[in-house]
Structures are given as C-alpha cells and as structure tokens.
Protein backbone atom coordinates (compact mmCIF):
# COMPACT_ATOMS: atom_id res chain seq x y z
CA UNK A 1 241.77 143.30 114.10
CA UNK A 2 238.15 144.51 114.36
CA UNK A 3 236.76 141.07 113.54
CA UNK A 4 239.01 139.43 116.17
CA UNK A 5 237.99 142.02 118.78
CA UNK A 6 234.29 141.45 118.01
CA UNK A 7 234.68 137.68 118.33
CA UNK A 8 236.52 138.02 121.66
CA UNK A 9 233.78 140.34 122.98
CA UNK A 10 231.09 137.83 121.99
CA UNK A 11 232.99 134.97 123.62
CA UNK A 12 233.48 136.97 126.83
CA UNK A 13 229.73 137.66 126.87
CA UNK A 14 229.01 133.94 126.57
CA UNK A 15 227.78 133.95 122.96
CA UNK A 16 228.67 130.81 121.01
CA UNK A 17 230.87 131.83 118.10
CA UNK A 18 231.11 128.52 116.26
CA UNK A 19 229.79 128.99 112.75
CA UNK A 20 230.42 132.73 112.70
CA UNK A 21 232.40 133.95 109.71
CA UNK A 22 233.42 137.56 110.11
CA UNK A 23 235.86 138.94 107.59
CA UNK A 24 235.72 142.54 108.77
CA UNK A 25 234.86 144.52 111.87
CA UNK A 26 231.73 146.07 110.37
CA UNK A 27 229.87 142.88 109.48
CA UNK A 28 229.28 144.17 105.96
CA UNK A 29 231.58 141.82 104.02
CA UNK A 30 229.61 139.72 101.52
CA UNK A 31 230.97 136.47 102.97
CA UNK A 32 230.24 137.25 106.65
CA UNK A 33 227.93 134.67 108.25
CA UNK A 34 226.07 134.26 111.53
CA UNK A 35 223.29 131.88 112.51
CA UNK A 36 219.85 132.89 113.71
CA UNK A 37 220.71 131.24 117.04
CA UNK A 38 223.78 133.45 117.43
CA UNK A 39 221.73 136.56 116.66
CA UNK A 40 219.17 135.56 119.32
CA UNK A 41 222.01 135.13 121.83
CA UNK A 42 223.28 138.62 121.00
CA UNK A 43 219.75 140.01 121.38
CA UNK A 44 219.53 138.44 124.85
CA UNK A 45 222.62 140.40 125.91
CA UNK A 46 220.33 143.45 126.01
CA UNK A 47 218.64 141.94 129.08
CA UNK A 48 221.80 142.61 131.09
CA UNK A 49 221.63 145.98 132.89
CA UNK A 50 225.08 146.97 131.66
CA UNK A 51 224.09 146.22 128.05
CA UNK A 52 220.53 147.55 128.15
CA UNK A 53 221.41 150.14 125.47
CA UNK A 54 221.58 147.25 123.00
CA UNK A 55 217.88 146.56 123.55
CA UNK A 56 216.78 150.16 124.10
CA UNK A 57 218.35 151.26 120.82
CA UNK A 58 216.35 148.87 118.65
CA UNK A 59 213.73 150.04 116.17
CA UNK A 60 210.07 149.89 117.24
CA UNK A 61 207.29 149.14 114.73
CA UNK A 62 205.33 152.27 113.86
CA UNK A 63 207.30 154.40 116.33
CA UNK A 64 211.09 154.58 116.09
CA UNK A 65 214.06 153.82 113.87
CA UNK A 66 213.91 151.88 110.63
CA UNK A 67 210.54 150.41 111.66
CA UNK A 68 208.95 153.82 112.39
CA UNK A 69 207.27 154.10 108.98
CA UNK A 70 206.35 150.42 108.91
CA UNK A 71 203.56 148.37 110.53
CA UNK A 72 201.95 151.40 112.19
CA UNK A 73 198.42 150.22 111.40
CA UNK A 74 198.99 146.67 112.59
CA UNK A 75 198.90 144.86 115.94
CA UNK A 76 202.72 145.03 115.84
CA UNK A 77 202.76 148.80 116.39
CA UNK A 78 204.83 149.36 119.53
CA UNK A 79 204.96 145.60 120.11
CA UNK A 80 207.70 144.63 117.67
CA UNK A 81 211.18 145.72 118.74
CA UNK A 82 213.88 144.64 116.31
CA UNK A 83 217.08 145.20 114.41
CA UNK A 84 216.62 145.35 110.67
CA UNK A 85 219.30 144.92 108.06
CA UNK A 86 219.49 144.69 104.30
CA UNK A 87 222.35 144.22 101.87
CA UNK A 88 222.10 143.17 98.22
CA UNK A 89 220.38 139.78 98.28
CA UNK A 90 220.23 139.51 102.08
CA UNK A 91 217.81 140.86 104.65
CA UNK A 92 217.35 140.22 108.34
CA UNK A 93 215.05 140.97 111.23
CA UNK A 94 216.01 140.01 114.78
CA UNK A 95 213.85 141.03 117.70
CA UNK A 96 211.00 140.53 120.09
CA UNK A 97 207.22 140.64 119.72
CA UNK A 98 204.79 141.06 122.60
CA UNK A 99 201.45 140.75 120.80
CA UNK A 100 200.18 137.49 122.37
CA UNK A 101 203.20 136.51 124.38
CA UNK A 102 206.82 137.57 124.45
CA UNK A 103 208.69 135.83 121.64
CA UNK A 104 212.25 136.37 120.47
CA UNK A 105 212.95 135.56 116.86
CA UNK A 106 215.56 135.82 114.14
CA UNK A 107 214.85 135.81 110.42
CA UNK A 108 217.48 135.83 107.68
CA UNK A 109 216.43 135.98 104.03
CA UNK A 110 218.90 135.31 101.23
CA UNK A 111 218.45 135.33 97.48
CA UNK A 112 217.52 137.71 94.70
CA UNK A 113 215.61 140.20 96.85
CA UNK A 114 215.07 143.85 96.16
CA UNK A 115 214.69 146.02 99.25
CA UNK A 116 210.90 146.44 98.98
CA UNK A 117 210.34 142.68 98.63
CA UNK A 118 212.67 142.00 101.55
CA UNK A 119 210.78 144.45 103.79
CA UNK A 120 207.42 142.94 102.82
CA UNK A 121 208.64 139.40 103.55
CA UNK A 122 210.20 140.41 106.88
CA UNK A 123 206.96 142.05 107.95
CA UNK A 124 204.82 139.10 106.85
CA UNK A 125 207.00 136.78 108.89
CA UNK A 126 206.95 139.11 111.92
CA UNK A 127 203.15 139.24 111.76
CA UNK A 128 203.01 135.43 111.61
CA UNK A 129 205.39 135.10 114.54
CA UNK A 130 203.21 137.49 116.55
CA UNK A 131 200.20 135.20 115.96
CA UNK A 132 202.02 132.19 117.43
CA UNK A 133 200.82 129.50 118.05
CA UNK A 134 198.18 130.18 115.37
CA UNK A 135 200.72 131.20 112.73
CA UNK A 136 200.52 130.05 109.11
CA UNK A 137 203.05 127.65 107.64
CA UNK A 138 206.25 129.68 106.99
CA UNK A 139 206.51 128.19 103.49
CA UNK A 140 203.42 130.19 102.54
CA UNK A 141 205.18 133.44 103.53
CA UNK A 142 208.63 133.09 102.00
CA UNK A 143 209.91 130.85 99.23
CA UNK A 144 211.55 127.55 100.13
CA UNK A 145 215.34 127.79 99.68
CA UNK A 146 216.27 126.87 96.13
CA UNK A 147 212.71 127.38 94.84
CA UNK A 148 212.26 129.54 91.73
C-alpha cells in the first residue's frame, strides 16, 4: 500500500513514473529502481512553495546533514545541496551545485562498492559537475559499467 501511495503522489505532482520499480514504501528493497531523470524531477518539486521543505531539508557540503563532514575544504562547501544514499552495492547523490552556475544533477553508482569508495566517487563526480563546462570525462572518474 505504501508503494502505491508513493506512486500516486508522484503522479499527482507531475513526476513521470514509467520505469519506476518500487516494491515497498520505504524505497529500500534491493529490487527498487528509479532513473536519474525521475530523481531530478522529484528534486524540482522542492521549488514549489508548498514543498520547499523537500529542498530545505537536503544536506549541504561542509555544513549540514550527511555532507557536513565532507567537502568542507573544497569549492563545493555551502554550494552543493544534495540527497545522499548508500545501500550495499549502490550509492546515489542527487542535488544542485552553484559553483559556476546552477546545475541540477543525479548520480547513481551500482556495483561492488564499499561505503568509503562510494563516497569518494560521488564527491569526485560532484566536483566535476561543479566545474562544468570544463569537467573531465566522466569515464576517468568512475568505472565504465561492466568494467573490472
């Protein structure tokens, strides 16, 4: 029932739900799936005055939440606002950077990742995104899917 209620709420908010697989209401089931595009659409909901708490509750690099102890000595301090998430073999970062320009992004990493490696890769990608359009090739930051 929780998964159905979540899907209905997303549809009412105008978020495309095709491709979403949600087996439980928490989003923690191993076979749950969502695309980066869907996560960006959910992030945009925080621009609506009634849903501003969604945006205001996000972690801030070097300042608040799960990103408080991270990236404090980088240009991302206070300029990366994001939701982090890690489960065994999966890690995500969805948010906004305002270093050069305002950019929304979504990053999902899957594979044999321990938590420390996942955090390092998320932060390397966030730093590259913040340098847009002068960012390095993403393949130099994270392994190509299926690569050893």
